[in-house]
Amino acid sequence: MKAAGGIVGVTLIAAAILSAPVRAAAFDRDASQIVVVKHEWHPDEVWEKIGKTKFIWQATVRNDSDLRKRVYVYYDLLDGNGVPVARNVTNEYIDPHQTVDVKANSYILSEDLPKVRSSRVTVKVGL
């Protein structure tokens, strides 16, 4: 009987812990110490049936802080007026004082590809 009571007691304690309100841990969302070292993109495959072109992009990003951070890297292909004609985002954990190459791909309407004049990278820090 004692063993069964022990299991019930552990179960009740576990249930109490799981139902306790979750407190958010202190987290540094400051992106000022995240540096974009360089970035580039290039068109890849043309998907004629759907009228889109795959593009591959890469950004070299450095975390100059003393904390590990989850960095969201936003990549925009811009027209001559600085307006995005294609966008993509990915995220990666970057350790303190580490530099990483973040690579991803996305698609742009093939008819919009000639409008691209430049590209831009924006970084944000998330949870």
N, C-alpha and C. Protein backbone atom coordinates (compact mmCIF):
# COMPACT_ATOMS: atom_id res chain seq x y z
N MET A 1 0.83 -1.19 0.00
CA MET A 1 0.00 0.00 0.00
C MET A 1 0.87 1.25 0.00
N LYS A 2 1.98 1.17 0.70
CA LYS A 2 2.86 2.31 0.79
C LYS A 2 3.44 2.67 -0.58
N ALA A 3 3.79 1.66 -1.37
CA ALA A 3 4.36 1.91 -2.68
C ALA A 3 3.35 2.63 -3.57
N ALA A 4 2.10 2.21 -3.52
CA ALA A 4 1.08 2.84 -4.34
C ALA A 4 0.89 4.30 -3.92
N GLY A 5 0.92 4.56 -2.62
CA GLY A 5 0.79 5.93 -2.13
C GLY A 5 1.95 6.80 -2.60
N GLY A 6 3.15 6.19 -2.70
CA GLY A 6 4.32 6.93 -3.17
C GLY A 6 4.15 7.36 -4.61
N ILE A 7 3.63 6.47 -5.43
CA ILE A 7 3.41 6.80 -6.84
C ILE A 7 2.35 7.88 -6.97
N VAL A 8 1.29 7.76 -6.19
CA VAL A 8 0.23 8.77 -6.22
C VAL A 8 0.80 10.12 -5.78
N GLY A 9 1.63 10.10 -4.74
CA GLY A 9 2.23 11.34 -4.26
C GLY A 9 3.11 11.99 -5.31
N VAL A 10 3.92 11.20 -5.99
CA VAL A 10 4.79 11.72 -7.06
C VAL A 10 3.94 12.26 -8.20
N THR A 11 2.87 11.54 -8.54
CA THR A 11 1.98 11.98 -9.61
C THR A 11 1.34 13.32 -9.27
N LEU A 12 0.90 13.46 -8.02
CA LEU A 12 0.28 14.73 -7.62
C LEU A 12 1.30 15.87 -7.65
N ILE A 13 2.51 15.62 -7.22
CA ILE A 13 3.54 16.67 -7.26
C ILE A 13 3.85 17.04 -8.70
N ALA A 14 3.98 16.06 -9.58
CA ALA A 14 4.25 16.33 -10.99
C ALA A 14 3.11 17.13 -11.61
N ALA A 15 1.88 16.78 -11.27
CA ALA A 15 0.72 17.50 -11.81
C ALA A 15 0.72 18.95 -11.33
N ALA A 16 1.09 19.17 -10.07
CA ALA A 16 1.15 20.53 -9.54
C ALA A 16 2.22 21.35 -10.23
N ILE A 17 3.37 20.74 -10.51
CA ILE A 17 4.45 21.45 -11.19
C ILE A 17 4.05 21.79 -12.62
N LEU A 18 3.45 20.84 -13.31
CA LEU A 18 3.05 21.07 -14.69
C LEU A 18 1.94 22.10 -14.83
N SER A 19 1.08 22.21 -13.82
CA SER A 19 -0.01 23.17 -13.91
C SER A 19 0.38 24.55 -13.38
N ALA A 20 1.58 24.68 -12.82
CA ALA A 20 2.02 25.98 -12.31
C ALA A 20 2.21 26.94 -13.48
N PRO A 21 1.96 28.24 -13.26
CA PRO A 21 2.14 29.20 -14.35
C PRO A 21 3.60 29.23 -14.81
N VAL A 22 3.78 29.31 -16.12
CA VAL A 22 5.13 29.35 -16.68
C VAL A 22 5.63 30.79 -16.66
N ARG A 23 6.79 30.98 -16.13
CA ARG A 23 7.38 32.31 -16.08
C ARG A 23 8.40 32.44 -17.21
N ALA A 24 8.31 33.52 -17.93
CA ALA A 24 9.25 33.74 -19.03
C ALA A 24 10.63 34.04 -18.46
N ALA A 25 11.61 33.39 -19.02
CA ALA A 25 12.99 33.65 -18.59
C ALA A 25 13.45 34.97 -19.19
N ALA A 26 14.38 35.59 -18.52
CA ALA A 26 14.96 36.83 -19.05
C ALA A 26 15.64 36.49 -20.37
N PHE A 27 15.41 37.30 -21.39
CA PHE A 27 15.96 37.01 -22.70
C PHE A 27 16.38 38.31 -23.36
N ASP A 28 17.53 38.30 -23.95
CA ASP A 28 18.07 39.48 -24.60
C ASP A 28 17.67 39.47 -26.07
N ARG A 29 16.77 40.36 -26.46
CA ARG A 29 16.32 40.45 -27.85
C ARG A 29 17.02 41.57 -28.61
N ASP A 30 18.10 42.07 -28.06
CA ASP A 30 18.86 43.16 -28.68
C ASP A 30 19.63 42.62 -29.88
N ALA A 31 19.35 43.17 -31.05
CA ALA A 31 20.02 42.73 -32.27
C ALA A 31 21.20 43.62 -32.64
N SER A 32 21.52 44.58 -31.80
CA SER A 32 22.59 45.53 -32.14
C SER A 32 23.96 44.88 -32.24
N GLN A 33 24.14 43.72 -31.62
CA GLN A 33 25.43 43.05 -31.68
C GLN A 33 25.45 41.90 -32.68
N ILE A 34 24.43 41.86 -33.52
CA ILE A 34 24.40 40.90 -34.63
C ILE A 34 24.81 41.66 -35.89
N VAL A 35 25.87 41.21 -36.51
CA VAL A 35 26.46 41.93 -37.64
C VAL A 35 26.31 41.10 -38.92
N VAL A 36 25.80 41.73 -39.98
CA VAL A 36 25.77 41.09 -41.29
C VAL A 36 27.10 41.41 -41.96
N VAL A 37 27.93 40.41 -42.13
CA VAL A 37 29.27 40.60 -42.70
C VAL A 37 29.18 40.77 -44.21
N LYS A 38 28.40 39.91 -44.85
CA LYS A 38 28.19 40.01 -46.31
C LYS A 38 26.95 39.21 -46.67
N HIS A 39 26.46 39.46 -47.88
CA HIS A 39 25.33 38.67 -48.38
C HIS A 39 25.35 38.65 -49.89
N GLU A 40 24.73 37.62 -50.45
CA GLU A 40 24.67 37.48 -51.91
C GLU A 40 23.51 36.56 -52.27
N TRP A 41 23.12 36.63 -53.53
CA TRP A 41 22.06 35.75 -54.02
C TRP A 41 22.31 35.48 -55.50
N HIS A 42 21.68 34.45 -56.01
CA HIS A 42 21.73 34.18 -57.44
C HIS A 42 20.50 33.35 -57.84
N PRO A 43 20.02 33.57 -59.06
CA PRO A 43 18.89 32.76 -59.54
C PRO A 43 19.37 31.33 -59.78
N ASP A 44 18.44 30.40 -59.66
CA ASP A 44 18.77 28.99 -59.84
C ASP A 44 17.87 28.43 -60.94
N GLU A 45 17.00 27.52 -60.60
CA GLU A 45 16.13 26.86 -61.58
C GLU A 45 14.94 27.73 -61.96
N VAL A 46 14.53 27.61 -63.22
CA VAL A 46 13.30 28.26 -63.68
C VAL A 46 12.21 27.19 -63.73
N TRP A 47 11.11 27.47 -63.07
CA TRP A 47 9.97 26.57 -63.07
C TRP A 47 8.92 27.15 -64.03
N GLU A 48 9.06 26.82 -65.31
CA GLU A 48 8.23 27.44 -66.34
C GLU A 48 6.74 27.18 -66.14
N LYS A 49 6.38 25.99 -65.69
CA LYS A 49 4.96 25.65 -65.55
C LYS A 49 4.24 26.54 -64.55
N ILE A 50 4.96 26.98 -63.52
CA ILE A 50 4.32 27.84 -62.51
C ILE A 50 4.79 29.29 -62.62
N GLY A 51 5.68 29.57 -63.57
CA GLY A 51 6.12 30.95 -63.82
C GLY A 51 7.00 31.52 -62.71
N LYS A 52 7.76 30.66 -62.04
CA LYS A 52 8.62 31.13 -60.96
C LYS A 52 10.06 30.69 -61.17
N THR A 53 10.95 31.45 -60.58
CA THR A 53 12.37 31.13 -60.61
C THR A 53 12.84 30.96 -59.17
N LYS A 54 13.53 29.86 -58.93
CA LYS A 54 14.10 29.62 -57.61
C LYS A 54 15.35 30.49 -57.46
N PHE A 55 15.51 31.12 -56.30
CA PHE A 55 16.76 31.83 -56.04
C PHE A 55 17.35 31.36 -54.72
N ILE A 56 18.66 31.34 -54.69
CA ILE A 56 19.39 30.89 -53.51
C ILE A 56 20.10 32.11 -52.93
N TRP A 57 19.98 32.27 -51.62
CA TRP A 57 20.64 33.40 -50.97
C TRP A 57 21.46 32.93 -49.79
N GLN A 58 22.45 33.76 -49.45
CA GLN A 58 23.34 33.45 -48.34
C GLN A 58 23.71 34.75 -47.65
N ALA A 59 23.73 34.71 -46.34
CA ALA A 59 24.19 35.85 -45.53
C ALA A 59 25.18 35.34 -44.49
N THR A 60 26.29 36.01 -44.37
CA THR A 60 27.26 35.69 -43.34
C THR A 60 26.97 36.61 -42.16
N VAL A 61 26.66 36.02 -41.01
CA VAL A 61 26.19 36.76 -39.85
C VAL A 61 27.08 36.43 -38.65
N ARG A 62 27.44 37.47 -37.89
CA ARG A 62 28.30 37.28 -36.72
C ARG A 62 27.58 37.76 -35.47
N ASN A 63 27.68 36.96 -34.41
CA ASN A 63 27.11 37.31 -33.10
C ASN A 63 28.25 37.85 -32.24
N ASP A 64 28.29 39.17 -32.05
CA ASP A 64 29.34 39.79 -31.25
C ASP A 64 29.00 39.86 -29.76
N SER A 65 27.88 39.27 -29.36
CA SER A 65 27.48 39.32 -27.96
C SER A 65 28.06 38.14 -27.19
N ASP A 66 27.84 38.13 -25.89
CA ASP A 66 28.29 37.04 -25.02
C ASP A 66 27.19 36.01 -24.78
N LEU A 67 26.08 36.12 -25.53
CA LEU A 67 24.94 35.22 -25.36
C LEU A 67 24.64 34.48 -26.65
N ARG A 68 24.16 33.25 -26.52
CA ARG A 68 23.67 32.50 -27.67
C ARG A 68 22.33 33.13 -28.07
N LYS A 69 22.16 33.37 -29.36
CA LYS A 69 20.93 34.03 -29.81
C LYS A 69 20.30 33.30 -30.98
N ARG A 70 18.98 33.33 -31.00
CA ARG A 70 18.24 32.83 -32.16
C ARG A 70 18.04 34.02 -33.08
N VAL A 71 18.67 33.97 -34.22
CA VAL A 71 18.68 35.10 -35.14
C VAL A 71 17.80 34.78 -36.34
N TYR A 72 16.86 35.68 -36.61
CA TYR A 72 16.01 35.59 -37.80
C TYR A 72 16.65 36.46 -38.86
N VAL A 73 16.92 35.86 -40.01
CA VAL A 73 17.55 36.57 -41.11
C VAL A 73 16.52 36.73 -42.22
N TYR A 74 16.18 37.98 -42.53
CA TYR A 74 15.20 38.32 -43.57
C TYR A 74 15.97 38.75 -44.81
N TYR A 75 15.65 38.17 -45.96
CA TYR A 75 16.33 38.50 -47.21
C TYR A 75 15.30 39.05 -48.18
N ASP A 76 15.58 40.23 -48.73
CA ASP A 76 14.68 40.87 -49.69
C ASP A 76 15.41 41.13 -50.99
N LEU A 77 14.75 40.83 -52.10
CA LEU A 77 15.21 41.26 -53.41
C LEU A 77 14.42 42.52 -53.75
N LEU A 78 15.14 43.59 -54.08
CA LEU A 78 14.52 44.91 -54.22
C LEU A 78 14.52 45.39 -55.67
N ASP A 79 13.46 46.14 -56.01
CA ASP A 79 13.43 46.77 -57.33
C ASP A 79 14.20 48.09 -57.28
N GLY A 80 14.16 48.86 -58.34
CA GLY A 80 14.88 50.12 -58.41
C GLY A 80 14.45 51.16 -57.41
N ASN A 81 13.24 51.03 -56.85
CA ASN A 81 12.74 51.96 -55.84
C ASN A 81 12.95 51.46 -54.41
N GLY A 82 13.63 50.33 -54.27
CA GLY A 82 13.86 49.77 -52.94
C GLY A 82 12.68 49.00 -52.38
N VAL A 83 11.74 48.65 -53.24
CA VAL A 83 10.55 47.90 -52.82
C VAL A 83 10.81 46.41 -53.03
N PRO A 84 10.52 45.58 -52.02
CA PRO A 84 10.75 44.14 -52.18
C PRO A 84 9.86 43.52 -53.27
N VAL A 85 10.49 42.75 -54.15
CA VAL A 85 9.73 41.98 -55.14
C VAL A 85 9.74 40.50 -54.77
N ALA A 86 10.61 40.12 -53.84
CA ALA A 86 10.63 38.75 -53.30
C ALA A 86 11.25 38.82 -51.91
N ARG A 87 10.76 37.95 -51.02
CA ARG A 87 11.25 37.93 -49.63
C ARG A 87 11.39 36.50 -49.15
N ASN A 88 12.24 36.35 -48.14
CA ASN A 88 12.39 35.05 -47.49
C ASN A 88 12.94 35.28 -46.10
N VAL A 89 12.70 34.34 -45.21
CA VAL A 89 13.23 34.44 -43.85
C VAL A 89 13.60 33.04 -43.39
N THR A 90 14.65 32.96 -42.61
CA THR A 90 15.03 31.73 -41.94
C THR A 90 15.65 32.11 -40.61
N ASN A 91 15.84 31.14 -39.75
CA ASN A 91 16.43 31.45 -38.45
C ASN A 91 17.48 30.42 -38.09
N GLU A 92 18.38 30.84 -37.23
CA GLU A 92 19.45 29.96 -36.79
C GLU A 92 19.94 30.41 -35.43
N TYR A 93 20.30 29.46 -34.60
CA TYR A 93 20.93 29.79 -33.33
C TYR A 93 22.40 30.06 -33.59
N ILE A 94 22.90 31.18 -33.04
CA ILE A 94 24.30 31.54 -33.22
C ILE A 94 24.92 31.71 -31.84
N ASP A 95 25.98 30.98 -31.61
CA ASP A 95 26.68 31.03 -30.33
C ASP A 95 27.45 32.34 -30.19
N PRO A 96 27.83 32.69 -28.97
CA PRO A 96 28.58 33.92 -28.74
C PRO A 96 29.87 33.98 -29.58
N HIS A 97 30.09 35.11 -30.20
CA HIS A 97 31.30 35.40 -30.97
C HIS A 97 31.52 34.42 -32.12
N GLN A 98 30.43 33.87 -32.63
CA GLN A 98 30.50 32.92 -33.75
C GLN A 98 30.02 33.61 -35.03
N THR A 99 30.64 33.25 -36.14
CA THR A 99 30.21 33.72 -37.46
C THR A 99 29.69 32.52 -38.23
N VAL A 100 28.50 32.65 -38.81
CA VAL A 100 27.89 31.54 -39.55
C VAL A 100 27.41 32.02 -40.92
N ASP A 101 27.37 31.08 -41.84
CA ASP A 101 26.76 31.33 -43.15
C ASP A 101 25.35 30.77 -43.10
N VAL A 102 24.39 31.65 -43.25
CA VAL A 102 22.98 31.26 -43.27
C VAL A 102 22.58 31.17 -44.74
N LYS A 103 22.09 30.00 -45.15
CA LYS A 103 21.73 29.78 -46.56
C LYS A 103 20.28 29.32 -46.63
N ALA A 104 19.60 29.77 -47.66
CA ALA A 104 18.22 29.34 -47.88
C ALA A 104 17.87 29.59 -49.35
N ASN A 105 16.67 29.18 -49.71
CA ASN A 105 16.20 29.45 -51.07
C ASN A 105 14.74 29.83 -51.01
N SER A 106 14.30 30.48 -52.08
CA SER A 106 12.92 30.89 -52.19
C SER A 106 12.59 31.01 -53.67
N TYR A 107 11.44 31.59 -53.95
CA TYR A 107 11.00 31.72 -55.34
C TYR A 107 10.57 33.15 -55.62
N ILE A 108 10.77 33.56 -56.86
CA ILE A 108 10.33 34.87 -57.33
C ILE A 108 9.57 34.63 -58.63
N LEU A 109 8.55 35.42 -58.88
CA LEU A 109 7.88 35.33 -60.17
C LEU A 109 8.90 35.63 -61.25
N SER A 110 8.98 34.78 -62.26
CA SER A 110 9.98 34.94 -63.31
C SER A 110 9.88 36.31 -63.98
N GLU A 111 8.66 36.82 -64.10
CA GLU A 111 8.48 38.15 -64.72
C GLU A 111 9.03 39.27 -63.85
N ASP A 112 9.20 39.02 -62.54
CA ASP A 112 9.75 40.05 -61.64
C ASP A 112 11.27 40.01 -61.55
N LEU A 113 11.88 38.94 -62.01
CA LEU A 113 13.34 38.80 -61.91
C LEU A 113 14.10 39.96 -62.56
N PRO A 114 13.71 40.43 -63.75
CA PRO A 114 14.44 41.57 -64.35
C PRO A 114 14.30 42.87 -63.55
N LYS A 115 13.32 42.96 -62.67
CA LYS A 115 13.11 44.18 -61.87
C LYS A 115 14.10 44.28 -60.72
N VAL A 116 14.75 43.18 -60.34
CA VAL A 116 15.64 43.17 -59.18
C VAL A 116 16.88 44.00 -59.47
N ARG A 117 17.12 44.99 -58.59
CA ARG A 117 18.28 45.87 -58.72
C ARG A 117 19.26 45.72 -57.56
N SER A 118 18.77 45.25 -56.42
CA SER A 118 19.63 45.10 -55.25
C SER A 118 18.98 44.12 -54.27
N SER A 119 19.67 43.87 -53.18
CA SER A 119 19.12 43.00 -52.15
C SER A 119 19.44 43.59 -50.79
N ARG A 120 18.73 43.11 -49.78
CA ARG A 120 18.92 43.64 -48.42
C ARG A 120 18.72 42.51 -47.43
N VAL A 121 19.50 42.58 -46.34
CA VAL A 121 19.37 41.63 -45.25
C VAL A 121 19.01 42.41 -43.99
N THR A 122 18.04 41.91 -43.26
CA THR A 122 17.65 42.47 -41.97
C THR A 122 17.69 41.34 -40.96
N VAL A 123 18.20 41.62 -39.78
CA VAL A 123 18.23 40.59 -38.73
C VAL A 123 17.43 41.04 -37.54
N LYS A 124 16.79 40.06 -36.90
CA LYS A 124 16.06 40.28 -35.66
C LYS A 124 16.40 39.12 -34.73
N VAL A 125 16.29 39.35 -33.46
CA VAL A 125 16.57 38.31 -32.47
C VAL A 125 15.25 37.89 -31.85
N GLY A 126 15.02 36.59 -31.79
CA GLY A 126 13.77 36.08 -31.24
C GLY A 126 13.99 35.08 -30.15
N LEU A 127 12.89 34.51 -29.68
CA LEU A 127 12.93 33.53 -28.60
C LEU A 127 13.30 32.16 -29.11
